[in-house]
Amino acid sequence: MKILIIGGRGFIGQKLVDSLVKHSYAFDVLSRSPVETVNPVPKFIKGDLLAADLDFDRLVSKYDVIFNCAGELYNKDLMYALHVDATAQLVSACKKNAKKQNRKVHWVQLSSVGAYGPSKPKANKKRLVTEETTPAPIGEYEVTKTLADEIILKAADEFFSYTILRPSNVFGAQMPNSSIRQLAAVIKRELFFYIGKPGSTSNYVHVDDVVDALVLCGFDARARDQVFNLSNDCPQSDVIDALAEGQGLSAPKCRLNESVARVIAFLFSWFPGFPLKASRIDALVNRTNYDISKIERVVGFKPSRDVKNTIMEALE
C-alpha cells in the first residue's frame, strides 16, 4: 500500500506524520518545505499545490491512500485556490489514474464542522448537529472547505472512495490558533465573566484524537464513503475552571446578562481593540453540540483525551 500525506507540515498534518512513523507505515509527504520527524519519512516531495507548473497527474499516480491535510487558515485570497481548485485537480487526477490502472484510490479529507455554520436565528439556541445537518458555512475558510467536500462527495465511484472527517476546534501543544491562549490571559488578569444563562457548551477535540480518527479513516474499510463529525463537547465551565486552576487561580464566577453584553458591544464597537465583540459573545453563549455517534457506531471510535484534563496543553 502506497500512502501520501498532503500538508504534512501543518499542526494536524505533522502529528499525522509522527503517528504513521510510530506505527511503521511507509509513506511519502508533499510539502513546500521538509517535514521534521524522529525518523525520516521514506520520501519528501517538495511541491506547492498553488504552483502553476505542478503536475497533478504525476503527483498522485502511484498512491492507494491519500490524506489531504492542506489548509490555509489566514490568507483569504489563497483559500479558494488551495481548498477548491487544487482539490478538484487532485481528485480528477486520482480518478483518471485509478481508472487507467484499474485500481481504487482512497481519499481522506480533513475538513471542519464549520461546514454546518452557526446557530440561527440566535447564537444561544440549543442545536444538535449531525452528519445529516444541511451545510450552511459562513466565512471564506468554512465556505471553501465545504465546497471541497462537495467535490469529493460527487467524485465517489468504483475507482474512488473517500472519508471526510469534520473536527470541531482542534487543540493541543503548539497549536497555531491563539484563541485558548487569549482566553487564558483574560482569566489570568481576572477579567473573564460568563455571559447569559448557565449551560453554554465548548466544542473542542484534542489533536491526538483527530489524528487517531484520521488513521482509522484511512485504513479501516468500514470508513469508506462516509462523513464523520468529531468533537469532544463539554460544559464551557469545565474549560474555564481548568484554565483558571492551571494558572493557580480561583474559578471565575461573575456572569453578565446577555442583552446587556450585546448593548455594550454595540455601543463600543467603534473603539479599536475593545474586547467585547458580537462574535465573542456568540462563542460564550454557544449551545451547539456535535453528535459523534456515527463514527463510534461505524468504526468504534470515541475521543479519549478529556478536554478539561488536557486543555492546558494549548498554552505550551
Protein backbone atom coordinates (compact mmCIF):
# COMPACT_ATOMS: atom_id res chain seq x y z
CA MET A 1 0.00 0.00 0.00
CA LYS A 2 1.39 3.38 -1.05
CA ILE A 3 0.41 6.37 1.06
CA LEU A 4 0.69 10.12 0.50
CA ILE A 5 0.15 12.89 3.04
CA ILE A 6 -0.59 16.33 1.62
CA GLY A 7 0.06 19.18 4.05
CA GLY A 8 2.39 17.32 6.38
CA ARG A 9 3.84 20.43 7.99
CA GLY A 10 0.59 21.77 9.41
CA PHE A 11 -0.49 21.40 13.03
CA ILE A 12 -2.53 18.27 12.37
CA GLY A 13 -0.55 17.04 9.36
CA GLN A 14 2.70 16.95 11.34
CA LYS A 15 1.01 14.92 14.08
CA LEU A 16 -0.31 12.51 11.45
CA VAL A 17 3.20 12.10 10.06
CA ASP A 18 4.51 11.32 13.54
CA SER A 19 1.72 8.79 14.13
CA LEU A 20 2.33 6.92 10.87
CA VAL A 21 6.06 6.82 11.55
CA LYS A 22 5.40 5.47 15.04
CA HIS A 23 3.20 2.72 13.59
CA SER A 24 5.82 1.84 10.94
CA TYR A 25 3.80 2.84 7.90
CA ALA A 26 5.77 3.60 4.73
CA PHE A 27 4.55 6.82 3.16
CA ASP A 28 5.50 9.99 1.31
CA VAL A 29 4.81 13.60 2.21
CA LEU A 30 4.06 16.51 -0.08
CA SER A 31 5.03 19.85 1.42
CA ARG A 32 6.63 23.15 0.46
CA SER A 33 9.42 22.51 2.99
CA PRO A 34 10.84 19.39 4.68
CA VAL A 35 8.82 17.73 7.43
CA GLU A 36 10.54 17.11 10.75
CA THR A 37 10.25 13.58 12.14
CA VAL A 38 12.16 11.47 14.63
CA ASN A 39 12.81 9.02 11.82
CA PRO A 40 12.81 10.48 8.30
CA VAL A 41 9.88 9.57 6.09
CA PRO A 42 10.70 7.40 3.06
CA LYS A 43 10.33 10.30 0.67
CA PHE A 44 9.77 14.02 0.92
CA ILE A 45 8.17 15.56 -2.14
CA LYS A 46 8.79 19.26 -2.39
CA GLY A 47 5.77 20.86 -4.02
CA ASP A 48 3.25 23.66 -3.83
CA LEU A 49 -0.37 22.93 -4.72
CA LEU A 50 -0.71 26.51 -5.95
CA ALA A 51 2.30 26.35 -8.29
CA ALA A 52 1.37 26.70 -11.95
CA ASP A 53 3.83 24.00 -13.01
CA LEU A 54 2.75 21.29 -10.57
CA ASP A 55 2.00 18.05 -12.41
CA PHE A 56 -1.07 16.71 -10.57
CA ASP A 57 -1.26 13.53 -12.65
CA ARG A 58 2.31 12.57 -11.88
CA LEU A 59 1.97 13.55 -8.22
CA VAL A 60 -0.86 11.14 -7.39
CA SER A 61 -0.25 8.42 -9.96
CA LYS A 62 1.05 5.70 -7.63
CA TYR A 63 -0.83 6.12 -4.35
CA ASP A 64 -3.55 3.94 -2.84
CA VAL A 65 -4.41 6.19 0.13
CA ILE A 66 -4.11 9.98 0.16
CA PHE A 67 -4.56 12.11 3.27
CA ASN A 68 -5.34 15.73 2.45
CA CYS A 69 -4.46 17.88 5.46
CA ALA A 70 -3.64 21.00 3.44
CA GLY A 71 -5.39 24.17 4.52
CA GLU A 72 -4.94 27.93 4.51
CA LEU A 73 -6.06 29.48 7.80
CA TYR A 74 -5.15 33.13 7.39
CA ASN A 75 -4.85 34.41 3.82
CA LYS A 76 -8.37 34.59 2.41
CA ASP A 77 -7.04 35.34 -1.07
CA LEU A 78 -5.49 31.85 -1.24
CA MET A 79 -8.32 29.80 0.26
CA TYR A 80 -10.39 29.17 -2.86
CA ALA A 81 -7.37 28.24 -4.95
CA LEU A 82 -6.00 25.84 -2.34
CA HIS A 83 -9.18 24.34 -0.92
CA VAL A 84 -11.33 24.20 -4.05
CA ASP A 85 -9.26 24.44 -7.24
CA ALA A 86 -6.38 22.29 -6.01
CA THR A 87 -8.74 19.68 -4.57
CA ALA A 88 -10.63 19.49 -7.85
CA GLN A 89 -7.41 18.94 -9.81
CA LEU A 90 -6.08 16.36 -7.34
CA VAL A 91 -9.32 14.38 -7.28
CA SER A 92 -9.61 14.48 -11.07
CA ALA A 93 -6.03 13.21 -11.41
CA CYS A 94 -6.67 10.45 -8.84
CA LYS A 95 -9.74 9.21 -10.67
CA LYS A 96 -8.06 9.31 -14.08
CA ASN A 97 -5.02 7.38 -12.90
CA ALA A 98 -7.03 4.85 -10.91
CA LYS A 99 -9.27 4.12 -13.87
CA LYS A 100 -6.30 3.81 -16.23
CA GLN A 101 -4.58 1.40 -13.83
CA ASN A 102 -7.81 -0.41 -12.95
CA ARG A 103 -7.42 0.09 -9.21
CA LYS A 104 -9.07 2.09 -6.43
CA VAL A 105 -7.71 5.09 -4.56
CA HIS A 106 -8.99 6.17 -1.14
CA TRP A 107 -9.06 9.87 -0.25
CA VAL A 108 -9.16 11.11 3.35
CA GLN A 109 -10.22 14.74 3.62
CA LEU A 110 -9.57 16.80 6.74
CA SER A 111 -12.50 19.22 6.84
CA SER A 112 -14.32 21.16 9.59
CA VAL A 113 -17.63 21.32 11.42
CA GLY A 114 -17.61 24.92 10.21
CA ALA A 115 -19.43 23.44 7.23
CA TYR A 116 -22.63 23.49 9.28
CA GLY A 117 -22.41 27.18 10.14
CA PRO A 118 -23.54 28.89 13.36
CA SER A 119 -26.79 28.54 15.23
CA LYS A 120 -29.65 30.55 13.77
CA PRO A 121 -31.55 32.72 14.38
CA LYS A 122 -29.78 33.09 17.74
CA ALA A 123 -26.32 32.07 18.84
CA ASN A 124 -27.68 30.75 22.15
CA LYS A 125 -30.16 28.40 20.50
CA LYS A 126 -29.79 24.76 21.52
CA ARG A 127 -28.72 22.78 18.47
CA LEU A 128 -27.64 19.23 17.79
CA VAL A 129 -25.57 18.86 14.63
CA THR A 130 -25.26 15.51 12.88
CA GLU A 131 -23.74 14.47 9.57
CA GLU A 132 -27.23 14.88 8.10
CA THR A 133 -27.42 18.56 9.06
CA THR A 134 -27.59 20.75 5.94
CA PRO A 135 -24.32 22.64 5.37
CA ALA A 136 -24.58 26.40 5.83
CA PRO A 137 -20.99 27.67 6.13
CA ILE A 138 -20.15 31.30 6.85
CA GLY A 139 -16.67 32.68 6.27
CA GLU A 140 -14.20 32.12 3.44
CA TYR A 141 -12.38 29.26 5.14
CA GLU A 142 -15.58 27.40 6.01
CA VAL A 143 -17.20 28.01 2.61
CA THR A 144 -14.20 26.87 0.60
CA LYS A 145 -13.60 23.78 2.75
CA THR A 146 -17.26 22.83 2.30
CA LEU A 147 -17.00 23.29 -1.46
CA ALA A 148 -14.03 20.93 -1.41
CA ASP A 149 -16.12 18.39 0.48
CA GLU A 150 -18.80 18.61 -2.21
CA ILE A 151 -16.23 17.91 -4.92
CA ILE A 152 -15.12 14.79 -3.06
CA LEU A 153 -18.66 13.58 -2.39
CA LYS A 154 -19.54 13.85 -6.08
CA ALA A 155 -16.37 12.04 -7.15
CA ALA A 156 -17.12 8.70 -5.49
CA ASP A 157 -17.29 5.76 -7.89
CA GLU A 158 -15.81 2.29 -8.36
CA PHE A 159 -12.31 3.75 -8.62
CA PHE A 160 -12.50 6.48 -5.96
CA SER A 161 -13.63 6.21 -2.33
CA TYR A 162 -13.44 8.84 0.38
CA THR A 163 -13.77 9.60 4.06
CA ILE A 164 -14.41 13.17 5.19
CA LEU A 165 -13.54 13.98 8.80
CA ARG A 166 -15.03 17.18 10.25
CA PRO A 167 -13.47 18.02 13.63
CA SER A 168 -14.52 20.94 15.81
CA ASN A 169 -11.92 23.27 17.40
CA VAL A 170 -8.70 21.26 17.46
CA PHE A 171 -6.32 21.99 20.33
CA GLY A 172 -3.01 20.76 21.65
CA ALA A 173 0.56 21.84 22.32
CA GLN A 174 1.98 24.31 19.78
CA MET A 175 -1.40 24.91 18.17
CA PRO A 176 -1.30 27.87 15.75
CA ASN A 177 -4.68 29.27 16.79
CA SER A 178 -4.20 31.61 19.75
CA SER A 179 -7.82 31.72 20.96
CA ILE A 180 -7.26 29.49 24.01
CA ARG A 181 -4.10 31.38 24.97
CA GLN A 182 -6.02 34.65 24.73
CA LEU A 183 -8.82 33.25 26.86
CA ALA A 184 -6.30 32.07 29.46
CA ALA A 185 -4.72 35.53 29.51
CA VAL A 186 -8.10 37.16 30.19
CA ILE A 187 -8.70 34.71 33.05
CA LYS A 188 -5.25 35.42 34.46
CA ARG A 189 -5.98 39.15 34.52
CA GLU A 190 -9.24 38.30 36.32
CA LEU A 191 -11.26 39.98 33.57
CA PHE A 192 -13.26 36.97 32.46
CA PHE A 193 -17.01 36.80 33.04
CA TYR A 194 -19.67 34.45 31.78
CA ILE A 195 -22.43 35.79 29.56
CA GLY A 196 -26.05 34.71 29.61
CA LYS A 197 -27.63 31.75 31.35
CA PRO A 198 -25.57 28.78 32.56
CA GLY A 199 -25.30 25.77 30.27
CA SER A 200 -23.09 27.01 27.44
CA THR A 201 -21.02 24.43 25.57
CA SER A 202 -17.40 24.35 24.41
CA ASN A 203 -16.66 22.43 21.22
CA TYR A 204 -13.08 21.16 21.35
CA VAL A 205 -11.24 18.00 20.38
CA HIS A 206 -7.63 17.09 21.12
CA VAL A 207 -5.28 16.91 18.12
CA ASP A 208 -4.23 13.36 19.03
CA ASP A 209 -7.85 12.23 18.87
CA VAL A 210 -8.17 13.82 15.43
CA VAL A 211 -5.04 12.00 14.24
CA ASP A 212 -6.24 8.66 15.62
CA ALA A 213 -9.53 9.18 13.78
CA LEU A 214 -7.72 10.10 10.55
CA VAL A 215 -5.73 6.86 10.69
CA LEU A 216 -8.94 4.87 11.06
CA CYS A 217 -10.47 6.82 8.17
CA GLY A 218 -7.50 5.86 6.02
CA PHE A 219 -7.22 2.17 6.73
CA ASP A 220 -10.50 0.85 8.13
CA ALA A 221 -12.68 -0.33 5.25
CA ARG A 222 -15.81 0.46 7.27
CA ALA A 223 -14.98 4.17 6.99
CA ARG A 224 -15.15 4.19 3.19
CA ASP A 225 -17.59 6.66 1.63
CA GLN A 226 -18.52 8.17 4.99
CA VAL A 227 -18.62 11.65 6.52
CA PHE A 228 -17.81 11.82 10.23
CA ASN A 229 -18.11 14.67 12.70
CA LEU A 230 -15.65 14.68 15.58
CA SER A 231 -15.88 16.74 18.75
CA ASN A 232 -15.48 16.21 22.48
CA ASP A 233 -18.07 18.71 23.67
CA CYS A 234 -18.05 19.72 27.31
CA PRO A 235 -19.60 22.38 29.54
CA GLN A 236 -17.94 25.74 28.97
CA SER A 237 -17.36 25.96 32.73
CA ASP A 238 -15.08 22.89 32.55
CA VAL A 239 -12.72 24.73 30.20
CA ILE A 240 -12.78 27.97 32.20
CA ASP A 241 -12.23 26.18 35.51
CA ALA A 242 -9.33 24.16 34.06
CA LEU A 243 -7.62 27.26 32.62
CA ALA A 244 -8.00 29.06 35.94
CA GLU A 245 -6.79 26.13 38.04
CA GLY A 246 -3.87 25.53 35.71
CA GLN A 247 -2.70 29.08 36.36
CA GLY A 248 -3.15 28.83 40.11
CA LEU A 249 -6.32 30.93 40.19
CA SER A 250 -9.81 30.58 41.57
CA ALA A 251 -12.51 29.79 39.03
CA PRO A 252 -14.36 32.89 37.73
CA LYS A 253 -17.94 33.24 38.92
CA CYS A 254 -19.10 36.59 37.54
CA ARG A 255 -21.93 36.46 34.98
CA LEU A 256 -23.34 39.26 32.77
CA ASN A 257 -26.80 39.38 31.25
CA GLU A 258 -26.59 38.60 27.52
CA SER A 259 -28.77 41.51 26.41
CA VAL A 260 -26.67 43.94 28.45
CA ALA A 261 -23.48 42.46 27.00
CA ARG A 262 -24.75 42.90 23.45
CA VAL A 263 -25.72 46.52 24.06
CA ILE A 264 -22.26 47.25 25.44
CA ALA A 265 -20.62 45.51 22.48
CA PHE A 266 -22.73 47.54 20.06
CA LEU A 267 -22.07 50.90 21.76
CA PHE A 268 -18.32 50.40 21.90
CA SER A 269 -17.83 48.52 18.61
CA TRP A 270 -16.19 51.63 17.16
CA PHE A 271 -13.43 51.54 19.79
CA PRO A 272 -10.26 49.88 18.42
CA GLY A 273 -9.32 46.80 20.39
CA PHE A 274 -12.46 46.75 22.53
CA PRO A 275 -12.59 43.07 23.61
CA LEU A 276 -16.35 42.56 23.88
CA LYS A 277 -17.46 41.89 20.31
CA ALA A 278 -20.56 40.21 18.95
CA SER A 279 -18.51 37.21 17.80
CA ARG A 280 -17.04 36.78 21.29
CA ILE A 281 -20.49 36.90 22.84
CA ASP A 282 -21.74 34.32 20.34
CA ALA A 283 -18.95 31.96 21.42
CA LEU A 284 -19.69 32.46 25.11
CA VAL A 285 -23.40 31.69 24.79
CA ASN A 286 -22.93 28.76 22.39
CA ARG A 287 -25.22 25.77 22.95
CA THR A 288 -24.36 23.72 19.86
CA ASN A 289 -23.44 20.08 20.30
CA TYR A 290 -21.91 17.88 17.60
CA ASP A 291 -23.23 14.34 17.58
CA ILE A 292 -20.38 11.85 17.16
CA SER A 293 -22.43 8.70 17.49
CA LYS A 294 -21.88 7.86 13.81
CA ILE A 295 -18.09 7.49 13.99
CA GLU A 296 -18.48 5.50 17.20
CA ARG A 297 -21.09 3.24 15.62
CA VAL A 298 -19.36 2.70 12.27
CA VAL A 299 -15.69 2.31 13.25
CA GLY A 300 -15.85 2.15 17.05
CA PHE A 301 -14.03 5.42 17.64
CA LYS A 302 -14.57 7.79 20.53
CA PRO A 303 -12.29 10.64 21.71
CA SER A 304 -10.20 9.53 24.70
CA ARG A 305 -8.46 12.81 25.70
CA ASP A 306 -10.67 14.63 28.18
CA VAL A 307 -10.81 18.33 27.34
CA LYS A 308 -10.79 19.52 30.94
CA ASN A 309 -7.67 17.47 31.74
CA THR A 310 -5.71 18.42 28.61
CA ILE A 311 -6.74 21.99 27.72
CA MET A 312 -3.65 23.46 29.41
CA GLU A 313 -1.53 21.86 26.66
CA ALA A 314 -2.78 24.66 24.42
CA LEU A 315 -0.65 27.11 26.43
CA GLU A 316 2.58 25.21 25.73
